[in-house]
Amino acid sequence: MAPFSHGAVRRASAAPGAHPRIDPRYCTDDRDLGAMAQGLRVARDVENAPARATWRGQEVLPGPDLWRRQRTAGQTRRPRIGH
């Protein structure tokens, strides 16, 4: 996978032992969100195959009604990871 979103690592101070400031900027490019959504669709298709029926349980996360909820809200929620 080659994400379009790019983060940054910067110095927090001039002190040699100071921890760097890391900003991963996950999913800041809409193309990454589209790729993740497509990957989730493929995973659901695999899991919903008839051969998996005896092992399949109910989807817990992100939940079976994710797409309907997003269309109803009319927006895509960006995760705030690492902040």
Protein backbone atom coordinates (compact mmCIF):
# COMPACT_ATOMS: atom_id res chain seq x y z
CA MET A 1 0.00 0.00 0.00
CA ALA A 2 1.29 3.45 -0.88
CA PRO A 3 -0.65 6.16 0.98
CA PHE A 4 -1.04 9.63 -0.49
CA SER A 5 -1.08 11.25 2.97
CA HIS A 6 2.34 12.17 4.30
CA GLY A 7 3.32 13.05 7.83
CA ALA A 8 6.29 14.85 9.29
CA VAL A 9 8.89 14.40 12.01
CA ARG A 10 10.33 17.62 13.43
CA ARG A 11 12.59 18.68 16.27
CA ALA A 12 10.68 19.79 19.33
CA SER A 13 13.65 21.76 20.66
CA ALA A 14 17.39 22.20 20.28
CA ALA A 15 18.05 19.88 23.23
CA PRO A 16 19.74 16.68 22.00
CA GLY A 17 17.64 14.38 24.21
CA ALA A 18 14.30 15.97 23.39
CA HIS A 19 11.67 13.74 21.82
CA PRO A 20 10.74 14.67 18.25
CA ARG A 21 7.32 16.00 17.30
CA ILE A 22 5.60 13.44 15.11
CA ASP A 23 2.59 14.37 13.01
CA PRO A 24 1.46 11.24 11.10
CA ARG A 25 -1.32 13.08 9.20
CA TYR A 26 -3.27 9.86 8.70
CA CYS A 27 -6.01 10.05 6.05
CA THR A 28 -5.47 13.70 5.21
CA ASP A 29 -5.74 12.89 1.50
CA ASP A 30 -9.23 11.80 0.39
CA ARG A 31 -7.70 9.18 -1.92
CA ASP A 32 -6.53 7.27 1.16
CA LEU A 33 -10.05 7.21 2.59
CA GLY A 34 -11.37 5.86 -0.72
CA ALA A 35 -8.73 3.11 -0.74
CA MET A 36 -9.58 2.14 2.84
CA ALA A 37 -13.30 2.06 2.04
CA GLN A 38 -12.66 -0.15 -1.00
CA GLY A 39 -10.50 -2.47 1.11
CA LEU A 40 -13.30 -2.78 3.66
CA ARG A 41 -15.78 -3.62 0.88
CA VAL A 42 -13.48 -6.38 -0.41
CA ALA A 43 -12.99 -7.77 3.11
CA ARG A 44 -16.76 -7.83 3.61
CA ASP A 45 -17.26 -9.62 0.28
CA VAL A 46 -14.75 -12.28 1.32
CA GLU A 47 -16.34 -12.69 4.74
CA ASN A 48 -19.84 -12.90 3.26
CA ALA A 49 -18.87 -15.73 0.88
CA PRO A 50 -21.02 -18.84 1.31
CA ALA A 51 -17.95 -20.91 2.26
CA ARG A 52 -17.49 -18.73 5.38
CA ALA A 53 -21.11 -19.03 6.55
CA THR A 54 -20.42 -21.56 9.31
CA TRP A 55 -17.72 -19.35 10.88
CA ARG A 56 -19.27 -15.96 10.31
CA GLY A 57 -20.65 -13.93 13.18
CA GLN A 58 -22.13 -10.45 13.20
CA GLU A 59 -19.84 -7.60 12.23
CA VAL A 60 -18.95 -5.49 15.24
CA LEU A 61 -16.65 -2.72 13.97
CA PRO A 62 -17.06 -0.51 12.03
CA GLY A 63 -20.56 -1.96 11.92
CA PRO A 64 -22.79 -3.28 9.16
CA ASP A 65 -24.63 0.02 8.70
CA LEU A 66 -21.49 2.19 8.30
CA TRP A 67 -22.19 3.24 4.69
CA ARG A 68 -25.81 4.12 5.42
CA ARG A 69 -24.79 6.21 8.43
CA GLN A 70 -22.18 8.09 6.36
CA ARG A 71 -24.66 8.82 3.56
CA THR A 72 -27.23 10.00 6.09
CA ALA A 73 -24.70 12.28 7.76
CA GLY A 74 -23.49 13.51 4.36
CA GLN A 75 -19.90 13.55 5.47
CA THR A 76 -16.80 11.46 5.98
CA ARG A 77 -15.42 11.41 9.47
CA ARG A 78 -11.65 11.79 9.68
CA PRO A 79 -10.01 9.94 12.54
CA ARG A 80 -7.91 11.96 14.98
CA ILE A 81 -5.14 9.43 15.49
CA GLY A 82 -1.96 10.38 17.31
CA HIS A 83 -3.22 13.74 18.65
